[in-house]
Amino acid sequence: MKNVEMKLEENILTIKVDLTKEFGPSASGKTIIIASTEGNISVPDKDEIKIGLNVYKKK
């Protein structure tokens, strides 16, 4: 994961992303990546639940 923190408390998933960070252009080159799970991953302590997250801005 890049710039993504996840925390599960009871049944509430909290996702934390620092919007000031950048990781360069996307594969298409049209956007700048801010955060990504880099595909689908399991929610902490809930293997049966998956999440896929991409945060980006226009170039």
C-alpha atoms as a PDB file:
ATOM      1  CA  MET A   1       0.000   0.000   0.000  1.00  0.00           C
ATOM      2  CA  LYS A   2       1.066   3.555  -0.648  1.00  0.00           C
ATOM      3  CA  ASN A   3       0.005   6.258   1.821  1.00  0.00           C
ATOM      4  CA  VAL A   4      -2.994   4.308   3.174  1.00  0.00           C
ATOM      5  CA  GLU A   5      -3.610   3.423   6.813  1.00  0.00           C
ATOM      6  CA  MET A   6      -6.603   1.324   7.802  1.00  0.00           C
ATOM      7  CA  LYS A   7      -7.933   0.707  11.290  1.00  0.00           C
ATOM      8  CA  LEU A   8     -10.858  -1.486  12.292  1.00  0.00           C
ATOM      9  CA  GLU A   9     -12.570  -0.745  15.600  1.00  0.00           C
ATOM     10  CA  GLU A  10     -15.553  -2.971  16.296  1.00  0.00           C
ATOM     11  CA  ASN A  11     -17.325  -2.797  12.915  1.00  0.00           C
ATOM     12  CA  ILE A  12     -16.076   0.652  11.851  1.00  0.00           C
ATOM     13  CA  LEU A  13     -13.294   0.825   9.241  1.00  0.00           C
ATOM     14  CA  THR A  14     -11.299   4.067   9.265  1.00  0.00           C
ATOM     15  CA  ILE A  15      -9.071   4.916   6.305  1.00  0.00           C
ATOM     16  CA  LYS A  16      -6.362   7.554   6.659  1.00  0.00           C
ATOM     17  CA  VAL A  17      -4.672   9.189   3.614  1.00  0.00           C
ATOM     18  CA  ASP A  18      -2.237  12.123   3.622  1.00  0.00           C
ATOM     19  CA  LEU A  19      -3.471  14.291   0.735  1.00  0.00           C
ATOM     20  CA  THR A  20      -0.190  16.245   0.589  1.00  0.00           C
ATOM     21  CA  LYS A  21       1.813  13.245  -0.692  1.00  0.00           C
ATOM     22  CA  GLU A  22       2.289  12.326  -4.351  1.00  0.00           C
ATOM     23  CA  PHE A  23       3.712   9.152  -5.910  1.00  0.00           C
ATOM     24  CA  GLY A  24       4.076  10.244  -9.526  1.00  0.00           C
ATOM     25  CA  PRO A  25       1.941   9.704 -12.594  1.00  0.00           C
ATOM     26  CA  SER A  26      -0.509   6.853 -13.103  1.00  0.00           C
ATOM     27  CA  ALA A  27       0.134   4.227 -15.769  1.00  0.00           C
ATOM     28  CA  SER A  28      -1.900   6.244 -18.284  1.00  0.00           C
ATOM     29  CA  GLY A  29      -0.075   9.445 -17.351  1.00  0.00           C
ATOM     30  CA  LYS A  30      -3.340  11.367 -17.014  1.00  0.00           C
ATOM     31  CA  THR A  31      -3.362  11.589 -13.215  1.00  0.00           C
ATOM     32  CA  ILE A  32      -1.010  11.897 -10.241  1.00  0.00           C
ATOM     33  CA  ILE A  33      -1.287   9.107  -7.648  1.00  0.00           C
ATOM     34  CA  ILE A  34      -1.797  10.273  -4.049  1.00  0.00           C
ATOM     35  CA  ALA A  35      -2.597   6.911  -2.419  1.00  0.00           C
ATOM     36  CA  SER A  36      -3.390   3.347  -3.418  1.00  0.00           C
ATOM     37  CA  THR A  37      -3.955  -0.088  -1.973  1.00  0.00           C
ATOM     38  CA  GLU A  38      -2.350  -1.330  -5.216  1.00  0.00           C
ATOM     39  CA  GLY A  39      -5.191  -3.737  -5.916  1.00  0.00           C
ATOM     40  CA  ASN A  40      -7.779  -5.399  -3.728  1.00  0.00           C
ATOM     41  CA  ILE A  41      -6.677  -6.313  -0.208  1.00  0.00           C
ATOM     42  CA  SER A  42      -8.345  -7.709   2.899  1.00  0.00           C
ATOM     43  CA  VAL A  43      -9.711  -5.415   5.571  1.00  0.00           C
ATOM     44  CA  PRO A  44      -7.677  -5.847   8.799  1.00  0.00           C
ATOM     45  CA  ASP A  45      -8.963  -8.861  10.784  1.00  0.00           C
ATOM     46  CA  LYS A  46     -11.729  -9.488   8.204  1.00  0.00           C
ATOM     47  CA  ASP A  47     -10.192 -11.674   5.491  1.00  0.00           C
ATOM     48  CA  GLU A  48     -13.572 -12.199   3.822  1.00  0.00           C
ATOM     49  CA  ILE A  49     -14.006  -8.435   3.219  1.00  0.00           C
ATOM     50  CA  LYS A  50     -11.910  -6.774   0.519  1.00  0.00           C
ATOM     51  CA  ILE A  51     -11.143  -3.151  -0.335  1.00  0.00           C
ATOM     52  CA  GLY A  52      -9.554  -1.501  -3.365  1.00  0.00           C
ATOM     53  CA  LEU A  53      -8.705   2.192  -3.060  1.00  0.00           C
ATOM     54  CA  ASN A  54      -7.154   4.717  -5.430  1.00  0.00           C
ATOM     55  CA  VAL A  55      -6.804   8.421  -4.599  1.00  0.00           C
ATOM     56  CA  TYR A  56      -5.560  10.657  -7.404  1.00  0.00           C
ATOM     57  CA  LYS A  57      -5.739  14.126  -8.940  1.00  0.00           C
ATOM     58  CA  LYS A  58      -5.647  15.465 -12.473  1.00  0.00           C
ATOM     59  CA  LYS A  59      -2.220  16.170 -13.853  1.00  0.00           C
END
